[in-house]
C-alpha atoms as a PDB file:
ATOM      1  CA  UNK A   1      13.252 -79.965  33.857  1.00  0.00           C
ATOM      2  CA  UNK A   2      10.802 -80.801  36.633  1.00  0.00           C
ATOM      3  CA  UNK A   3      13.614 -80.980  39.179  1.00  0.00           C
ATOM      4  CA  UNK A   4      14.339 -77.279  38.583  1.00  0.00           C
ATOM      5  CA  UNK A   5      11.175 -76.139  40.372  1.00  0.00           C
ATOM      6  CA  UNK A   6      12.968 -75.306  43.633  1.00  0.00           C
ATOM      7  CA  UNK A   7      15.660 -73.291  41.847  1.00  0.00           C
ATOM      8  CA  UNK A   8      13.009 -71.386  39.896  1.00  0.00           C
ATOM      9  CA  UNK A   9      11.174 -70.806  43.179  1.00  0.00           C
ATOM     10  CA  UNK A  10      14.291 -68.967  44.391  1.00  0.00           C
ATOM     11  CA  UNK A  11      14.658 -66.960  41.179  1.00  0.00           C
ATOM     12  CA  UNK A  12      11.000 -65.935  41.125  1.00  0.00           C
ATOM     13  CA  UNK A  13      11.123 -64.966  44.801  1.00  0.00           C
ATOM     14  CA  UNK A  14      14.234 -62.834  44.328  1.00  0.00           C
ATOM     15  CA  UNK A  15      12.908 -61.138  41.192  1.00  0.00           C
ATOM     16  CA  UNK A  16       9.448 -60.637  42.672  1.00  0.00           C
ATOM     17  CA  UNK A  17       7.630 -61.082  39.369  1.00  0.00           C
ATOM     18  CA  UNK A  18       5.693 -63.805  37.582  1.00  0.00           C
ATOM     19  CA  UNK A  19       7.467 -65.626  34.719  1.00  0.00           C
ATOM     20  CA  UNK A  20       5.463 -65.268  31.499  1.00  0.00           C
ATOM     21  CA  UNK A  21       7.416 -67.198  28.852  1.00  0.00           C
ATOM     22  CA  UNK A  22      10.336 -69.599  28.490  1.00  0.00           C
ATOM     23  CA  UNK A  23      12.667 -71.068  25.893  1.00  0.00           C
ATOM     24  CA  UNK A  24      14.693 -74.124  26.817  1.00  0.00           C
ATOM     25  CA  UNK A  25      17.303 -76.475  25.441  1.00  0.00           C
ATOM     26  CA  UNK A  26      18.429 -79.805  26.866  1.00  0.00           C
ATOM     27  CA  UNK A  27      21.137 -82.286  25.887  1.00  0.00           C
ATOM     28  CA  UNK A  28      22.361 -85.726  26.828  1.00  0.00           C
ATOM     29  CA  UNK A  29      26.058 -86.009  26.081  1.00  0.00           C
ATOM     30  CA  UNK A  30      27.522 -87.895  29.056  1.00  0.00           C
ATOM     31  CA  UNK A  31      25.122 -90.294  30.752  1.00  0.00           C
ATOM     32  CA  UNK A  32      24.248 -92.439  27.759  1.00  0.00           C
ATOM     33  CA  UNK A  33      25.554 -95.716  26.378  1.00  0.00           C
ATOM     34  CA  UNK A  34      24.718 -99.210  25.230  1.00  0.00           C
ATOM     35  CA  UNK A  35      24.624-101.090  28.531  1.00  0.00           C
ATOM     36  CA  UNK A  36      21.455-103.186  28.956  1.00  0.00           C
ATOM     37  CA  UNK A  37      18.331-101.623  30.473  1.00  0.00           C
ATOM     38  CA  UNK A  38      17.905-102.184  34.202  1.00  0.00           C
ATOM     39  CA  UNK A  39      21.592-103.030  34.737  1.00  0.00           C
ATOM     40  CA  UNK A  40      22.981-102.573  38.242  1.00  0.00           C
ATOM     41  CA  UNK A  41      26.632-102.073  39.076  1.00  0.00           C
ATOM     42  CA  UNK A  42      26.931-105.326  41.031  1.00  0.00           C
ATOM     43  CA  UNK A  43      25.984-107.276  37.919  1.00  0.00           C
ATOM     44  CA  UNK A  44      28.319-105.386  35.545  1.00  0.00           C
ATOM     45  CA  UNK A  45      31.765-106.650  34.583  1.00  0.00           C
ATOM     46  CA  UNK A  46      33.056-103.062  34.469  1.00  0.00           C
ATOM     47  CA  UNK A  47      32.160-102.159  38.064  1.00  0.00           C
ATOM     48  CA  UNK A  48      35.824-101.938  39.124  1.00  0.00           C
ATOM     49  CA  UNK A  49      36.771 -99.422  36.430  1.00  0.00           C
ATOM     50  CA  UNK A  50      33.568 -97.494  35.666  1.00  0.00           C
ATOM     51  CA  UNK A  51      33.897 -93.917  37.033  1.00  0.00           C
ATOM     52  CA  UNK A  52      30.270 -93.946  38.241  1.00  0.00           C
ATOM     53  CA  UNK A  53      30.269 -97.316  40.035  1.00  0.00           C
ATOM     54  CA  UNK A  54      29.904 -97.320  43.852  1.00  0.00           C
ATOM     55  CA  UNK A  55      33.264 -99.094  44.130  1.00  0.00           C
ATOM     56  CA  UNK A  56      35.192 -96.402  42.224  1.00  0.00           C
ATOM     57  CA  UNK A  57      33.261 -93.520  43.793  1.00  0.00           C
ATOM     58  CA  UNK A  58      34.031 -94.739  47.321  1.00  0.00           C
ATOM     59  CA  UNK A  59      37.546 -96.116  46.893  1.00  0.00           C
ATOM     60  CA  UNK A  60      39.085 -93.581  44.529  1.00  0.00           C
ATOM     61  CA  UNK A  61      36.860 -90.508  44.149  1.00  0.00           C
ATOM     62  CA  UNK A  62      35.812 -90.115  47.806  1.00  0.00           C
ATOM     63  CA  UNK A  63      32.254 -89.339  46.733  1.00  0.00           C
ATOM     64  CA  UNK A  64      28.899 -90.186  48.238  1.00  0.00           C
ATOM     65  CA  UNK A  65      27.117 -93.092  46.563  1.00  0.00           C
ATOM     66  CA  UNK A  66      23.484 -92.382  45.714  1.00  0.00           C
ATOM     67  CA  UNK A  67      22.552 -95.583  43.904  1.00  0.00           C
ATOM     68  CA  UNK A  68      23.782 -98.528  41.880  1.00  0.00           C
ATOM     69  CA  UNK A  69      21.778 -98.268  38.658  1.00  0.00           C
ATOM     70  CA  UNK A  70      23.887 -98.011  35.523  1.00  0.00           C
ATOM     71  CA  UNK A  71      24.549 -94.438  34.378  1.00  0.00           C
ATOM     72  CA  UNK A  72      25.457 -95.608  30.883  1.00  0.00           C
ATOM     73  CA  UNK A  73      22.552 -97.905  30.069  1.00  0.00           C
ATOM     74  CA  UNK A  74      20.107 -97.484  27.207  1.00  0.00           C
ATOM     75  CA  UNK A  75      17.309 -96.555  29.644  1.00  0.00           C
ATOM     76  CA  UNK A  76      18.935 -93.702  31.608  1.00  0.00           C
ATOM     77  CA  UNK A  77      16.212 -91.365  30.356  1.00  0.00           C
ATOM     78  CA  UNK A  78      16.610 -87.735  31.410  1.00  0.00           C
ATOM     79  CA  UNK A  79      19.002 -85.154  29.995  1.00  0.00           C
ATOM     80  CA  UNK A  80      22.297 -84.480  31.770  1.00  0.00           C
ATOM     81  CA  UNK A  81      22.380 -80.709  31.173  1.00  0.00           C
ATOM     82  CA  UNK A  82      19.823 -78.058  30.244  1.00  0.00           C
ATOM     83  CA  UNK A  83      19.315 -74.285  30.114  1.00  0.00           C
ATOM     84  CA  UNK A  84      16.206 -72.102  30.273  1.00  0.00           C
ATOM     85  CA  UNK A  85      15.711 -68.490  29.184  1.00  0.00           C
ATOM     86  CA  UNK A  86      12.896 -66.936  31.243  1.00  0.00           C
ATOM     87  CA  UNK A  87      11.007 -63.687  30.533  1.00  0.00           C
ATOM     88  CA  UNK A  88       9.195 -61.914  33.389  1.00  0.00           C
ATOM     89  CA  UNK A  89       6.244 -59.513  33.480  1.00  0.00           C
ATOM     90  CA  UNK A  90       8.342 -56.345  33.181  1.00  0.00           C
ATOM     91  CA  UNK A  91      10.444 -57.672  30.293  1.00  0.00           C
ATOM     92  CA  UNK A  92      13.321 -58.611  32.597  1.00  0.00           C
ATOM     93  CA  UNK A  93      14.884 -61.948  31.783  1.00  0.00           C
ATOM     94  CA  UNK A  94      16.884 -64.611  33.615  1.00  0.00           C
ATOM     95  CA  UNK A  95      18.975 -67.567  32.502  1.00  0.00           C
ATOM     96  CA  UNK A  96      18.933 -70.842  34.426  1.00  0.00           C
ATOM     97  CA  UNK A  97      21.251 -73.801  33.769  1.00  0.00           C
ATOM     98  CA  UNK A  98      21.502 -77.214  35.378  1.00  0.00           C
ATOM     99  CA  UNK A  99      24.306 -79.725  34.959  1.00  0.00           C
ATOM    100  CA  UNK A 100      24.463 -83.189  36.479  1.00  0.00           C
ATOM    101  CA  UNK A 101      28.115 -84.125  35.971  1.00  0.00           C
ATOM    102  CA  UNK A 102      30.028 -81.085  37.329  1.00  0.00           C
ATOM    103  CA  UNK A 103      31.233 -81.957  40.822  1.00  0.00           C
ATOM    104  CA  UNK A 104      33.703 -81.296  43.635  1.00  0.00           C
ATOM    105  CA  UNK A 105      35.175 -77.766  43.414  1.00  0.00           C
ATOM    106  CA  UNK A 106      33.318 -77.175  40.146  1.00  0.00           C
ATOM    107  CA  UNK A 107      29.904 -77.766  41.751  1.00  0.00           C
ATOM    108  CA  UNK A 108      27.718 -74.682  42.173  1.00  0.00           C
ATOM    109  CA  UNK A 109      24.179 -73.983  43.276  1.00  0.00           C
ATOM    110  CA  UNK A 110      23.104 -70.395  43.617  1.00  0.00           C
ATOM    111  CA  UNK A 111      22.441 -67.271  41.606  1.00  0.00           C
ATOM    112  CA  UNK A 112      24.016 -64.060  40.326  1.00  0.00           C
ATOM    113  CA  UNK A 113      21.798 -60.963  40.220  1.00  0.00           C
ATOM    114  CA  UNK A 114      23.078 -58.075  38.100  1.00  0.00           C
ATOM    115  CA  UNK A 115      21.716 -54.549  38.542  1.00  0.00           C
ATOM    116  CA  UNK A 116      22.876 -51.050  37.697  1.00  0.00           C
ATOM    117  CA  UNK A 117      24.362 -50.279  41.129  1.00  0.00           C
ATOM    118  CA  UNK A 118      25.900 -53.657  41.782  1.00  0.00           C
ATOM    119  CA  UNK A 119      25.951 -57.422  41.459  1.00  0.00           C
ATOM    120  CA  UNK A 120      24.985 -59.852  44.204  1.00  0.00           C
ATOM    121  CA  UNK A 121      25.750 -63.551  44.103  1.00  0.00           C
ATOM    122  CA  UNK A 122      25.304 -66.456  46.473  1.00  0.00           C
ATOM    123  CA  UNK A 123      26.355 -70.075  46.531  1.00  0.00           C
ATOM    124  CA  UNK A 124      24.571 -72.558  48.787  1.00  0.00           C
ATOM    125  CA  UNK A 125      27.500 -74.984  48.816  1.00  0.00           C
ATOM    126  CA  UNK A 126      30.072 -72.342  49.786  1.00  0.00           C
ATOM    127  CA  UNK A 127      27.705 -70.829  52.328  1.00  0.00           C
ATOM    128  CA  UNK A 128      28.412 -67.242  51.320  1.00  0.00           C
ATOM    129  CA  UNK A 129      26.993 -64.119  49.693  1.00  0.00           C
ATOM    130  CA  UNK A 130      29.128 -61.634  47.734  1.00  0.00           C
ATOM    131  CA  UNK A 131      28.074 -58.100  46.801  1.00  0.00           C
ATOM    132  CA  UNK A 132      30.109 -56.252  44.147  1.00  0.00           C
ATOM    133  CA  UNK A 133      29.568 -52.489  43.958  1.00  0.00           C
ATOM    134  CA  UNK A 134      29.562 -51.088  40.427  1.00  0.00           C
ATOM    135  CA  UNK A 135      30.305 -47.455  41.304  1.00  0.00           C
ATOM    136  CA  UNK A 136      32.930 -47.909  44.001  1.00  0.00           C
ATOM    137  CA  UNK A 137      35.883 -50.179  44.661  1.00  0.00           C
ATOM    138  CA  UNK A 138      34.055 -52.144  47.324  1.00  0.00           C
ATOM    139  CA  UNK A 139      33.172 -55.805  47.633  1.00  0.00           C
ATOM    140  CA  UNK A 140      31.170 -57.125  50.565  1.00  0.00           C
ATOM    141  CA  UNK A 141      31.362 -60.753  51.621  1.00  0.00           C
ATOM    142  CA  UNK A 142      28.918 -62.409  54.003  1.00  0.00           C
ATOM    143  CA  UNK A 143      29.811 -65.819  55.387  1.00  0.00           C
ATOM    144  CA  UNK A 144      26.768 -67.753  56.573  1.00  0.00           C
ATOM    145  CA  UNK A 145      26.337 -70.875  58.687  1.00  0.00           C
ATOM    146  CA  UNK A 146      23.448 -72.608  56.978  1.00  0.00           C
ATOM    147  CA  UNK A 147      25.055 -75.309  54.838  1.00  0.00           C
ATOM    148  CA  UNK A 148      24.358 -78.057  57.410  1.00  0.00           C
ATOM    149  CA  UNK A 149      20.774 -76.958  58.101  1.00  0.00           C
ATOM    150  CA  UNK A 150      17.785 -78.607  56.352  1.00  0.00           C
ATOM    151  CA  UNK A 151      17.419 -76.869  52.984  1.00  0.00           C
ATOM    152  CA  UNK A 152      20.089 -74.372  54.073  1.00  0.00           C
ATOM    153  CA  UNK A 153      17.846 -72.970  56.823  1.00  0.00           C
ATOM    154  CA  UNK A 154      14.795 -72.574  54.611  1.00  0.00           C
ATOM    155  CA  UNK A 155      12.674 -75.155  56.432  1.00  0.00           C
ATOM    156  CA  UNK A 156      12.680 -73.313  59.777  1.00  0.00           C
ATOM    157  CA  UNK A 157      12.007 -69.940  58.109  1.00  0.00           C
ATOM    158  CA  UNK A 158       9.011 -71.349  56.239  1.00  0.00           C
ATOM    159  CA  UNK A 159       7.712 -73.055  59.379  1.00  0.00           C
ATOM    160  CA  UNK A 160       7.903 -69.817  61.390  1.00  0.00           C
ATOM    161  CA  UNK A 161       6.121 -67.914  58.613  1.00  0.00           C
ATOM    162  CA  UNK A 162       3.420 -70.599  58.426  1.00  0.00           C
ATOM    163  CA  UNK A 163       2.783 -70.337  62.162  1.00  0.00           C
ATOM    164  CA  UNK A 164       2.568 -66.551  61.821  1.00  0.00           C
ATOM    165  CA  UNK A 165       0.017 -66.915  59.012  1.00  0.00           C
ATOM    166  CA  UNK A 166      -2.076 -69.371  61.040  1.00  0.00           C
ATOM    167  CA  UNK A 167      -2.045 -66.923  63.970  1.00  0.00           C
ATOM    168  CA  UNK A 168      -3.139 -64.104  61.686  1.00  0.00           C
ATOM    169  CA  UNK A 169       0.021 -62.099  62.347  1.00  0.00           C
ATOM    170  CA  UNK A 170       1.800 -62.481  58.985  1.00  0.00           C
ATOM    171  CA  UNK A 171       1.136 -62.901  55.284  1.00  0.00           C
ATOM    172  CA  UNK A 172       2.519 -65.924  53.485  1.00  0.00           C
ATOM    173  CA  UNK A 173       6.022 -65.219  52.175  1.00  0.00           C
ATOM    174  CA  UNK A 174       5.622 -68.096  49.698  1.00  0.00           C
ATOM    175  CA  UNK A 175       1.947 -68.464  48.689  1.00  0.00           C
ATOM    176  CA  UNK A 176       0.664 -71.420  46.720  1.00  0.00           C
ATOM    177  CA  UNK A 177       0.594 -69.329  43.542  1.00  0.00           C
ATOM    178  CA  UNK A 178       4.409 -69.037  43.629  1.00  0.00           C
ATOM    179  CA  UNK A 179       4.861 -72.798  43.691  1.00  0.00           C
ATOM    180  CA  UNK A 180       2.346 -73.273  40.900  1.00  0.00           C
ATOM    181  CA  UNK A 181       4.084 -70.595  38.791  1.00  0.00           C
ATOM    182  CA  UNK A 182       7.423 -72.429  39.123  1.00  0.00           C
ATOM    183  CA  UNK A 183       5.852 -75.781  38.281  1.00  0.00           C
ATOM    184  CA  UNK A 184       4.129 -74.333  35.215  1.00  0.00           C
ATOM    185  CA  UNK A 185       7.396 -72.737  34.098  1.00  0.00           C
ATOM    186  CA  UNK A 186       9.175 -76.100  34.342  1.00  0.00           C
ATOM    187  CA  UNK A 187       6.442 -77.897  32.410  1.00  0.00           C
ATOM    188  CA  UNK A 188       6.549 -75.313  29.618  1.00  0.00           C
ATOM    189  CA  UNK A 189      10.368 -75.432  29.615  1.00  0.00           C
ATOM    190  CA  UNK A 190      10.192 -79.195  29.106  1.00  0.00           C
ATOM    191  CA  UNK A 191       7.839 -78.685  26.158  1.00  0.00           C
ATOM    192  CA  UNK A 192      10.067 -75.936  24.753  1.00  0.00           C
ATOM    193  CA  UNK A 193      13.154 -78.165  24.896  1.00  0.00           C
ATOM    194  CA  UNK A 194      11.335 -80.705  22.723  1.00  0.00           C
ATOM    195  CA  UNK A 195       9.649 -78.297  20.295  1.00  0.00           C
ATOM    196  CA  UNK A 196      12.468 -75.737  19.937  1.00  0.00           C
ATOM    197  CA  UNK A 197       9.972 -72.889  20.407  1.00  0.00           C
ATOM    198  CA  UNK A 198       9.216 -70.227  23.003  1.00  0.00           C
ATOM    199  CA  UNK A 199       6.354 -71.227  25.293  1.00  0.00           C
ATOM    200  CA  UNK A 200       3.878 -68.977  27.097  1.00  0.00           C
ATOM    201  CA  UNK A 201       3.485 -69.776  30.805  1.00  0.00           C
ATOM    202  CA  UNK A 202      -0.201 -69.727  31.803  1.00  0.00           C
ATOM    203  CA  UNK A 203      -1.123 -67.781  34.938  1.00  0.00           C
ATOM    204  CA  UNK A 204      -1.971 -69.955  37.937  1.00  0.00           C
ATOM    205  CA  UNK A 205      -5.741 -70.119  38.419  1.00  0.00           C
ATOM    206  CA  UNK A 206      -5.394 -69.626  42.167  1.00  0.00           C
ATOM    207  CA  UNK A 207      -3.015 -66.686  41.788  1.00  0.00           C
ATOM    208  CA  UNK A 208      -5.479 -63.834  42.357  1.00  0.00           C
ATOM    209  CA  UNK A 209      -6.768 -65.284  45.612  1.00  0.00           C
ATOM    210  CA  UNK A 210      -3.439 -66.548  46.913  1.00  0.00           C
ATOM    211  CA  UNK A 211      -1.386 -63.364  46.737  1.00  0.00           C
END
């Protein structure tokens, strides 16, 4: 769950509240097997037919290769999909899911925010934002040009804000307390996925001074 911190950063920023409790579930249904621990594709007799080998990914799937460690060995470790139910200070809740085998046109990374007046959704990979009005027959679509920028343009925005803070002209848009809150939420989600129980997220000790 630790890898979800950046996605929870986005959710917490959009909601504008501190997460107070989580319940999580994780599963490992795809990337598991009985191949020996530490196996690399170059040493495996199945590297010409395995769907996750660099050879097959490059020659037949036209996908980027990110490594050559066996995805079906006994030591693959982490889950391959997980979901978290998050409760915020006001009682509002959010649902976050991650999946590590959906790809190509099925791949998504973004959020859908549902309110009374409308629904807004964005997808980093498609570089667009859609707004659906609930009380009129109107849908607004905004096409962005950030997909090729570092972190979809987030790096430059954070850098400009940091300079403004150092010059005393702005307040931090993403204080340390926000990052700590996301990290704590992920740690408690990991514990929840193992215990099967709701977990309370402790408040960051630096929160009062960092806001």
